[in-house]
Protein backbone atom coordinates (compact mmCIF):
# COMPACT_ATOMS: atom_id res chain seq x y z
CA MET A 1 113.47 82.39 132.66
CA ASN A 2 117.12 83.41 131.81
CA LYS A 3 118.11 85.91 134.31
CA ASP A 4 119.64 88.05 131.68
CA TRP A 5 116.50 88.42 129.63
CA GLY A 6 113.56 87.74 132.08
CA PRO A 7 111.91 90.16 134.17
CA SER A 8 113.84 91.17 137.45
CA ARG A 9 112.42 90.38 140.79
CA SER A 10 113.46 93.85 141.96
CA SER A 11 111.70 95.50 139.04
CA SER A 12 109.58 97.55 141.43
CA LYS A 13 112.49 99.78 142.28
CA HIS A 14 112.94 100.44 138.41
CA ALA A 15 109.24 100.93 137.74
CA SER A 16 109.52 104.60 138.06
CA PHE A 17 110.40 105.13 134.52
CA LEU A 18 106.91 103.72 133.68
CA THR A 19 105.20 106.50 135.57
CA VAL A 20 104.23 109.53 133.29
CA THR A 21 104.24 113.07 134.49
CA PRO A 22 100.97 115.04 134.07
CA THR A 23 102.37 117.02 131.36
CA VAL A 24 103.19 113.93 129.30
CA GLN A 25 99.73 112.59 130.08
CA ASP A 26 98.14 115.80 128.89
CA ALA A 27 100.24 115.59 125.71
CA LEU A 28 99.15 112.08 125.19
CA ALA A 29 95.51 112.85 125.74
CA LYS A 30 95.69 115.82 123.40
CA SER A 31 97.50 113.77 120.78
CA ARG A 32 94.86 111.06 120.95
CA GLU A 33 92.10 113.75 120.63
CA GLU A 34 93.77 115.25 117.50
CA ALA A 35 94.15 111.71 116.05
CA ALA A 36 90.58 110.93 116.66
CA ALA A 37 89.60 114.29 115.10
CA ALA A 38 92.03 113.70 112.14
CA LYS A 39 90.35 110.26 111.66
CA ALA A 40 86.74 111.63 111.81
CA GLU A 41 87.82 114.43 109.29
CA ALA A 42 89.32 111.82 106.87
CA GLN A 43 86.12 109.74 107.03
CA ALA A 44 84.02 112.88 106.34
CA ALA A 45 86.25 113.71 103.40
CA ARG A 46 86.04 110.16 102.17
CA ALA A 47 82.09 110.49 102.39
CA GLU A 48 82.17 113.74 100.62
CA ALA A 49 84.26 112.44 97.90
CA ALA A 50 81.86 109.50 97.42
CA ALA A 51 78.90 111.79 97.25
CA LEU A 52 80.81 114.01 94.67
CA ARG A 53 81.54 110.89 92.54
CA GLU A 54 77.90 109.83 92.64
CA HIS A 55 76.79 113.45 91.54
CA ILE A 56 79.28 113.50 88.82
CA ALA A 57 77.94 110.19 87.59
CA LYS A 58 74.41 111.45 87.60
CA LEU A 59 75.48 114.58 85.59
CA GLU A 60 77.29 112.50 83.19
CA ALA A 61 74.19 110.27 82.58
CA GLN A 62 72.10 113.52 82.12
CA ILE A 63 74.58 114.84 79.54
CA SER A 64 74.64 111.52 77.77
CA THR A 65 70.83 111.44 77.66
CA LEU A 66 70.50 115.03 76.48
CA ALA A 67 73.26 114.43 73.72
CA THR A 68 71.35 111.51 72.32
CA SER A 69 67.96 113.28 72.64
CA TYR A 70 68.90 116.27 70.63
CA PRO A 71 70.69 115.60 67.27
CA ASN A 72 73.30 118.05 66.06
CA PRO A 73 71.62 120.67 64.06
CA PRO A 74 72.86 121.07 60.45
CA THR A 75 75.42 123.59 59.57
CA PRO A 76 73.60 126.48 58.10
CA ALA A 77 74.65 127.17 54.36
CA PRO A 78 75.77 130.76 53.67
CA THR A 79 73.19 133.06 52.42
CA ALA A 80 73.27 135.83 49.73
CA SER A 81 73.47 138.38 52.52
CA GLN A 82 76.27 136.52 54.16
CA PRO A 83 79.01 135.63 51.86
CA PRO A 84 81.44 132.64 52.66
CA PRO A 85 84.63 133.77 54.45
CA PRO A 86 87.46 134.66 52.08
CA ASN A 87 90.16 132.09 51.44
CA PRO A 88 93.35 132.86 53.39
CA PRO A 89 96.00 134.76 51.24
CA ALA A 90 98.54 132.54 49.66
CA ALA A 91 101.98 132.47 50.85
CA PRO A 92 104.47 134.47 48.73
CA ILE A 93 106.65 132.48 46.46
CA ILE A 94 110.38 132.93 47.35
CA THR A 95 112.66 132.26 44.62
CA ASN A 96 116.49 132.09 44.92
CA HIS A 97 118.13 134.67 42.67
CA PHE A 98 121.68 133.55 43.46
CA ASN A 99 123.98 133.90 40.57
CA ALA A 100 127.18 131.91 41.20
CA THR A 101 129.21 134.14 38.64
CA SER A 102 128.37 137.35 40.45
CA SER A 103 129.16 136.24 43.92
CA PRO A 104 132.30 137.52 45.42
CA HIS A 105 132.73 134.08 47.00
CA SER A 106 132.39 132.04 43.79
CA LEU A 107 135.10 129.75 42.86
CA LYS A 108 137.40 130.91 40.08
């Protein structure tokens, strides 16, 4: 191998940078545990979401079945004791009573 890019024969004296302190080892172990816990939590969330989607689909099917089983009842006609609601009041008619000859701004 090229001596500039290949492994050095005296790499054993430089191997100390590969050793990890106990503090770093503990941090790595904790990080791995947290990653595994997060992965398990994500898997549980996906399973719960799938169960909820399935439950929603069942409820939608029940609603659809009930909607087709029971036709809409007819709208009851007003009875003599229950008069129909009054019509809304008509909007007032606004007329323009502008007289050009009486305006102080009219052209002369």
